[in-house]
Amino acid sequence: MRDFVDGTAFNNEQGNRARKLFAAVVLAALDDAIADDKKYGNGPEQIARWARSRDGREVLTCAGIDPNERVVEGLMDFVGRGVRTSVALSREESERRNAAQAEAA
């Protein structure tokens, strides 16, 4: 029984690591699309094309994200804002956003 529990815990941990790896690929794709948007002006279309492609759907699924049209629209919106993922995920940006929402309310 103990070997089964250890094996299950190991498999779960491996799955979590794989999900994080694919999530990093999604973040890299977002950063690439933001760079394309600043350089060529076609970032949202690029991320939408990628997310709707077979490879993009597979990467999103492996990252634990359901590759539906709502997700594609959210990715396009994120790229359209032009905020890089490292900045958007930082604590300072989160605090700034929350402060702006508090002022607006």
C-alpha atoms as a PDB file:
ATOM      1  CA  MET A   1       0.000   0.000   0.000  1.00  0.00           C
ATOM      2  CA  ARG A   2       2.807   2.378   0.843  1.00  0.00           C
ATOM      3  CA  ASP A   3       4.424   1.907  -2.562  1.00  0.00           C
ATOM      4  CA  PHE A   4       1.111   2.760  -4.223  1.00  0.00           C
ATOM      5  CA  VAL A   5       0.815   6.002  -2.252  1.00  0.00           C
ATOM      6  CA  ASP A   6       4.422   6.964  -3.007  1.00  0.00           C
ATOM      7  CA  GLY A   7       3.911   6.210  -6.690  1.00  0.00           C
ATOM      8  CA  THR A   8       0.704   8.232  -6.811  1.00  0.00           C
ATOM      9  CA  ALA A   9       2.337  11.191  -5.067  1.00  0.00           C
ATOM     10  CA  PHE A  10       5.282  11.008  -7.469  1.00  0.00           C
ATOM     11  CA  ASN A  11       2.997  10.891 -10.511  1.00  0.00           C
ATOM     12  CA  ASN A  12       0.966  13.821  -9.216  1.00  0.00           C
ATOM     13  CA  GLU A  13       4.130  15.860  -8.660  1.00  0.00           C
ATOM     14  CA  GLN A  14       5.372  15.029 -12.151  1.00  0.00           C
ATOM     15  CA  GLY A  15       2.025  16.105 -13.586  1.00  0.00           C
ATOM     16  CA  ASN A  16       2.203  19.413 -11.746  1.00  0.00           C
ATOM     17  CA  ARG A  17       5.705  20.029 -13.068  1.00  0.00           C
ATOM     18  CA  ALA A  18       4.595  19.291 -16.624  1.00  0.00           C
ATOM     19  CA  ARG A  19       1.633  21.667 -16.263  1.00  0.00           C
ATOM     20  CA  LYS A  20       3.956  24.434 -15.044  1.00  0.00           C
ATOM     21  CA  LEU A  21       6.274  23.821 -17.985  1.00  0.00           C
ATOM     22  CA  PHE A  22       3.436  24.173 -20.483  1.00  0.00           C
ATOM     23  CA  ALA A  23       2.144  27.247 -18.652  1.00  0.00           C
ATOM     24  CA  ALA A  24       5.592  28.789 -19.174  1.00  0.00           C
ATOM     25  CA  VAL A  25       5.258  28.060 -22.896  1.00  0.00           C
ATOM     26  CA  VAL A  26       1.898  29.886 -22.933  1.00  0.00           C
ATOM     27  CA  LEU A  27       3.477  32.881 -21.171  1.00  0.00           C
ATOM     28  CA  ALA A  28       6.323  32.892 -23.713  1.00  0.00           C
ATOM     29  CA  ALA A  29       3.797  32.828 -26.566  1.00  0.00           C
ATOM     30  CA  LEU A  30       2.018  35.807 -24.993  1.00  0.00           C
ATOM     31  CA  ASP A  31       5.295  37.718 -24.700  1.00  0.00           C
ATOM     32  CA  ASP A  32       6.124  36.942 -28.334  1.00  0.00           C
ATOM     33  CA  ALA A  33       2.705  38.171 -29.440  1.00  0.00           C
ATOM     34  CA  ILE A  34       3.137  41.372 -27.403  1.00  0.00           C
ATOM     35  CA  ALA A  35       6.513  41.939 -29.075  1.00  0.00           C
ATOM     36  CA  ASP A  36       4.892  41.367 -32.489  1.00  0.00           C
ATOM     37  CA  ASP A  37       2.144  43.802 -31.572  1.00  0.00           C
ATOM     38  CA  LYS A  38       4.657  46.527 -30.726  1.00  0.00           C
ATOM     39  CA  LYS A  39       6.752  45.844 -33.829  1.00  0.00           C
ATOM     40  CA  TYR A  40       4.162  44.985 -36.493  1.00  0.00           C
ATOM     41  CA  GLY A  41       0.785  45.764 -34.888  1.00  0.00           C
ATOM     42  CA  ASN A  42      -0.616  42.247 -35.319  1.00  0.00           C
ATOM     43  CA  GLY A  43      -0.113  40.709 -31.856  1.00  0.00           C
ATOM     44  CA  PRO A  44      -3.733  39.827 -31.022  1.00  0.00           C
ATOM     45  CA  GLU A  45      -4.189  38.149 -34.403  1.00  0.00           C
ATOM     46  CA  GLN A  46      -0.949  36.195 -33.918  1.00  0.00           C
ATOM     47  CA  ILE A  47      -1.913  34.840 -30.484  1.00  0.00           C
ATOM     48  CA  ALA A  48      -5.406  33.981 -31.756  1.00  0.00           C
ATOM     49  CA  ARG A  49      -3.960  32.103 -34.721  1.00  0.00           C
ATOM     50  CA  TRP A  50      -1.591  30.226 -32.394  1.00  0.00           C
ATOM     51  CA  ALA A  51      -4.269  29.425 -29.787  1.00  0.00           C
ATOM     52  CA  ARG A  52      -6.632  28.110 -32.451  1.00  0.00           C
ATOM     53  CA  SER A  53      -3.942  25.998 -34.107  1.00  0.00           C
ATOM     54  CA  ARG A  54      -3.531  22.333 -33.297  1.00  0.00           C
ATOM     55  CA  ASP A  55      -0.247  22.930 -31.461  1.00  0.00           C
ATOM     56  CA  GLY A  56      -1.648  25.869 -29.537  1.00  0.00           C
ATOM     57  CA  ARG A  57      -4.712  23.917 -28.409  1.00  0.00           C
ATOM     58  CA  GLU A  58      -2.488  21.060 -27.287  1.00  0.00           C
ATOM     59  CA  VAL A  59      -0.161  23.359 -25.311  1.00  0.00           C
ATOM     60  CA  LEU A  60      -3.118  25.120 -23.675  1.00  0.00           C
ATOM     61  CA  THR A  61      -4.659  21.782 -22.737  1.00  0.00           C
ATOM     62  CA  CYS A  62      -1.383  20.510 -21.277  1.00  0.00           C
ATOM     63  CA  ALA A  63      -1.108  23.739 -19.271  1.00  0.00           C
ATOM     64  CA  GLY A  64      -4.529  23.010 -17.772  1.00  0.00           C
ATOM     65  CA  ILE A  65      -6.341  25.677 -19.815  1.00  0.00           C
ATOM     66  CA  ASP A  66      -9.485  24.775 -21.761  1.00  0.00           C
ATOM     67  CA  PRO A  67      -8.784  25.994 -25.329  1.00  0.00           C
ATOM     68  CA  ASN A  68     -12.218  27.465 -26.033  1.00  0.00           C
ATOM     69  CA  GLU A  69     -13.115  30.691 -27.824  1.00  0.00           C
ATOM     70  CA  ARG A  70     -13.527  32.608 -24.568  1.00  0.00           C
ATOM     71  CA  VAL A  71      -9.910  31.822 -23.674  1.00  0.00           C
ATOM     72  CA  VAL A  72      -8.748  32.919 -27.132  1.00  0.00           C
ATOM     73  CA  GLU A  73     -10.575  36.240 -26.706  1.00  0.00           C
ATOM     74  CA  GLY A  74      -8.984  36.680 -23.275  1.00  0.00           C
ATOM     75  CA  LEU A  75      -5.521  36.025 -24.702  1.00  0.00           C
ATOM     76  CA  MET A  76      -6.180  38.548 -27.479  1.00  0.00           C
ATOM     77  CA  ASP A  77      -7.337  41.117 -24.918  1.00  0.00           C
ATOM     78  CA  PHE A  78      -4.237  40.522 -22.804  1.00  0.00           C
ATOM     79  CA  VAL A  79      -1.933  40.996 -25.802  1.00  0.00           C
ATOM     80  CA  GLY A  80      -3.882  44.094 -26.837  1.00  0.00           C
ATOM     81  CA  ARG A  81      -3.108  45.726 -23.491  1.00  0.00           C
ATOM     82  CA  GLY A  82       0.602  45.389 -24.223  1.00  0.00           C
ATOM     83  CA  VAL A  83       1.703  44.568 -20.664  1.00  0.00           C
ATOM     84  CA  ARG A  84       4.393  41.882 -20.648  1.00  0.00           C
ATOM     85  CA  THR A  85       3.612  38.788 -18.589  1.00  0.00           C
ATOM     86  CA  SER A  86       6.479  39.309 -16.147  1.00  0.00           C
ATOM     87  CA  VAL A  87       5.118  42.773 -15.335  1.00  0.00           C
ATOM     88  CA  ALA A  88       1.479  41.681 -15.271  1.00  0.00           C
ATOM     89  CA  LEU A  89       2.253  38.879 -12.813  1.00  0.00           C
ATOM     90  CA  SER A  90       4.342  41.062 -10.502  1.00  0.00           C
ATOM     91  CA  ARG A  91       3.095  42.180  -7.107  1.00  0.00           C
ATOM     92  CA  GLU A  92       3.643  45.879  -7.939  1.00  0.00           C
ATOM     93  CA  GLU A  93       1.398  45.701 -10.992  1.00  0.00           C
ATOM     94  CA  SER A  94      -1.261  43.869  -9.009  1.00  0.00           C
ATOM     95  CA  GLU A  95      -1.184  46.519  -6.285  1.00  0.00           C
ATOM     96  CA  ARG A  96      -1.325  49.316  -8.869  1.00  0.00           C
ATOM     97  CA  ARG A  97      -4.326  47.714 -10.569  1.00  0.00           C
ATOM     98  CA  ASN A  98      -6.133  47.250  -7.258  1.00  0.00           C
ATOM     99  CA  ALA A  99      -5.461  50.867  -6.283  1.00  0.00           C
ATOM    100  CA  ALA A 100      -6.801  52.085  -9.637  1.00  0.00           C
ATOM    101  CA  GLN A 101      -9.967  50.017  -9.186  1.00  0.00           C
ATOM    102  CA  ALA A 102     -10.430  51.328  -5.642  1.00  0.00           C
ATOM    103  CA  GLU A 103     -10.146  54.936  -6.892  1.00  0.00           C
ATOM    104  CA  ALA A 104     -12.637  54.283  -9.688  1.00  0.00           C
ATOM    105  CA  ALA A 105     -15.215  52.839  -7.275  1.00  0.00           C
END
